[in-house]
Amino acid sequence: MAEQEAKFTTEQVGGTTWVRLRGPRITDQVYINELGDELVALLESGAQRDLLIDLEEVEFLSSAMLGKLIRLFKRAAQVGGRVRLCSIRPSIREVFEITQLHKVFEIYPDADEALGRHRP
């Protein structure tokens, strides 16, 4: 059996779990469902209630993935958590603006700003 590529990587930075999504195109429904389940599991684990989703590698998101992010945002609110986004490419940012999701999500230009780190 071939080893499955990681859907994301995580790193703890203070009280935030920095989640870096993998792959340029997030369109496969099975992949999206598994990714969503894993992210919800992070939230529900209790220790991972502040998530920063980094989209730097992502060039295209399907509407199914947008829906998954919205459900993740709602679930975070239910468990007293927070979901923020960063490093969104202009083409994806445009979709967030058209759908008014930029008013729902906290969106940062990059992880450093989202995490309150200053660049040298």
Protein backbone atom coordinates (compact mmCIF):
# COMPACT_ATOMS: atom_id res chain seq x y z
CA MET A 1 0.00 0.00 0.00
CA ALA A 2 1.38 3.41 -0.98
CA GLU A 3 2.00 5.90 1.77
CA GLN A 4 -0.61 8.66 1.72
CA GLU A 5 0.67 12.22 1.54
CA ALA A 6 -0.12 14.35 4.59
CA LYS A 7 -3.12 16.65 4.12
CA PHE A 8 -1.54 19.21 6.40
CA THR A 9 1.24 19.79 8.87
CA THR A 10 0.87 21.38 12.28
CA GLU A 11 3.08 23.38 14.57
CA GLN A 12 2.26 24.75 18.01
CA VAL A 13 3.02 28.46 18.32
CA GLY A 14 2.01 29.70 21.74
CA GLY A 15 -1.65 28.79 22.17
CA THR A 16 -2.27 28.47 18.44
CA THR A 17 -2.04 25.40 16.23
CA TRP A 18 -0.65 26.56 12.89
CA VAL A 19 -2.10 24.26 10.22
CA ARG A 20 -0.42 24.37 6.81
CA LEU A 21 -2.60 22.83 4.11
CA ARG A 22 -0.76 20.78 1.48
CA GLY A 23 -1.20 20.74 -2.26
CA PRO A 24 -2.05 23.31 -4.89
CA ARG A 25 -5.60 22.07 -5.61
CA ILE A 26 -8.05 20.99 -2.95
CA THR A 27 -10.89 19.53 -4.97
CA ASP A 28 -11.21 15.80 -4.24
CA GLN A 29 -14.32 15.15 -2.12
CA VAL A 30 -12.81 12.20 -0.22
CA TYR A 31 -9.69 14.22 0.57
CA ILE A 32 -11.82 17.21 1.67
CA ASN A 33 -13.96 15.03 3.96
CA GLU A 34 -10.89 13.43 5.54
CA LEU A 35 -9.18 16.81 5.94
CA GLY A 36 -12.31 18.27 7.53
CA ASP A 37 -12.63 15.33 9.91
CA GLU A 38 -8.99 15.66 10.98
CA LEU A 39 -9.32 19.42 11.57
CA VAL A 40 -12.53 18.97 13.58
CA ALA A 41 -10.76 16.27 15.62
CA LEU A 42 -8.02 18.82 16.43
CA LEU A 43 -10.67 21.25 17.67
CA GLU A 44 -12.54 18.64 19.67
CA SER A 45 -9.38 17.26 21.28
CA GLY A 46 -9.63 20.12 23.74
CA ALA A 47 -6.05 21.32 23.54
CA GLN A 48 -6.23 22.65 19.98
CA ARG A 49 -8.99 25.24 20.05
CA ASP A 50 -7.17 28.09 18.27
CA LEU A 51 -6.42 27.10 14.67
CA LEU A 52 -4.59 29.16 12.07
CA ILE A 53 -5.20 27.65 8.62
CA ASP A 54 -2.33 28.58 6.29
CA LEU A 55 -3.29 28.46 2.60
CA GLU A 56 0.07 29.50 1.16
CA GLU A 57 0.47 26.34 -0.97
CA VAL A 58 -3.15 26.31 -2.13
CA GLU A 59 -3.90 27.67 -5.60
CA PHE A 60 -7.49 26.45 -5.88
CA LEU A 61 -10.23 25.51 -3.41
CA SER A 62 -13.44 23.82 -4.45
CA SER A 63 -16.79 25.01 -3.14
CA ALA A 64 -16.87 21.80 -1.07
CA MET A 65 -13.68 22.91 0.70
CA LEU A 66 -15.16 26.35 1.32
CA GLY A 67 -18.16 24.64 2.88
CA LYS A 68 -15.85 22.53 5.03
CA LEU A 69 -14.06 25.66 6.27
CA ILE A 70 -17.42 27.23 7.17
CA ARG A 71 -18.44 24.12 9.13
CA LEU A 72 -15.05 24.12 10.86
CA PHE A 73 -15.56 27.78 11.79
CA LYS A 74 -19.02 27.00 13.23
CA ARG A 75 -17.72 23.98 15.16
CA ALA A 76 -14.90 26.08 16.60
CA ALA A 77 -17.43 28.60 17.88
CA GLN A 78 -19.42 25.79 19.52
CA VAL A 79 -16.39 24.51 21.45
CA GLY A 80 -15.09 27.97 22.37
CA GLY A 81 -12.41 27.92 19.70
CA ARG A 82 -11.23 30.12 16.91
CA VAL A 83 -10.32 29.56 13.24
CA ARG A 84 -8.24 32.13 11.39
CA LEU A 85 -6.89 32.02 7.83
CA CYS A 86 -3.67 33.35 6.36
CA SER A 87 -1.59 33.50 3.18
CA ILE A 88 -4.55 33.39 0.82
CA ARG A 89 -3.70 33.93 -2.84
CA PRO A 90 -5.51 36.78 -4.62
CA SER A 91 -7.65 34.44 -6.74
CA ILE A 92 -8.92 32.64 -3.63
CA ARG A 93 -9.28 35.90 -1.71
CA GLU A 94 -11.58 37.11 -4.49
CA VAL A 95 -13.88 34.12 -3.87
CA PHE A 96 -13.96 34.97 -0.16
CA GLU A 97 -14.92 38.55 -1.01
CA ILE A 98 -17.60 37.58 -3.56
CA THR A 99 -19.18 35.19 -1.04
CA GLN A 100 -18.73 37.69 1.82
CA LEU A 101 -16.70 35.10 3.75
CA HIS A 102 -13.97 37.69 4.30
CA LYS A 103 -16.42 39.21 6.80
CA VAL A 104 -16.80 35.89 8.62
CA PHE A 105 -13.19 34.73 8.85
CA GLU A 106 -10.26 36.61 10.34
CA ILE A 107 -7.87 36.69 7.37
CA TYR A 108 -4.23 37.70 7.67
CA PRO A 109 -1.67 38.37 4.91
CA ASP A 110 0.76 35.84 6.38
CA ALA A 111 1.37 33.57 9.36
CA ASP A 112 3.78 35.98 11.04
CA GLU A 113 1.14 38.67 11.30
CA ALA A 114 -1.56 36.22 12.36
CA LEU A 115 0.69 34.83 15.09
CA GLY A 116 1.81 38.28 16.22
CA ARG A 117 5.41 37.64 15.27
CA HIS A 118 7.56 40.42 13.93
CA ARG A 119 9.91 39.84 11.06
CA PRO A 120 13.52 40.96 11.45
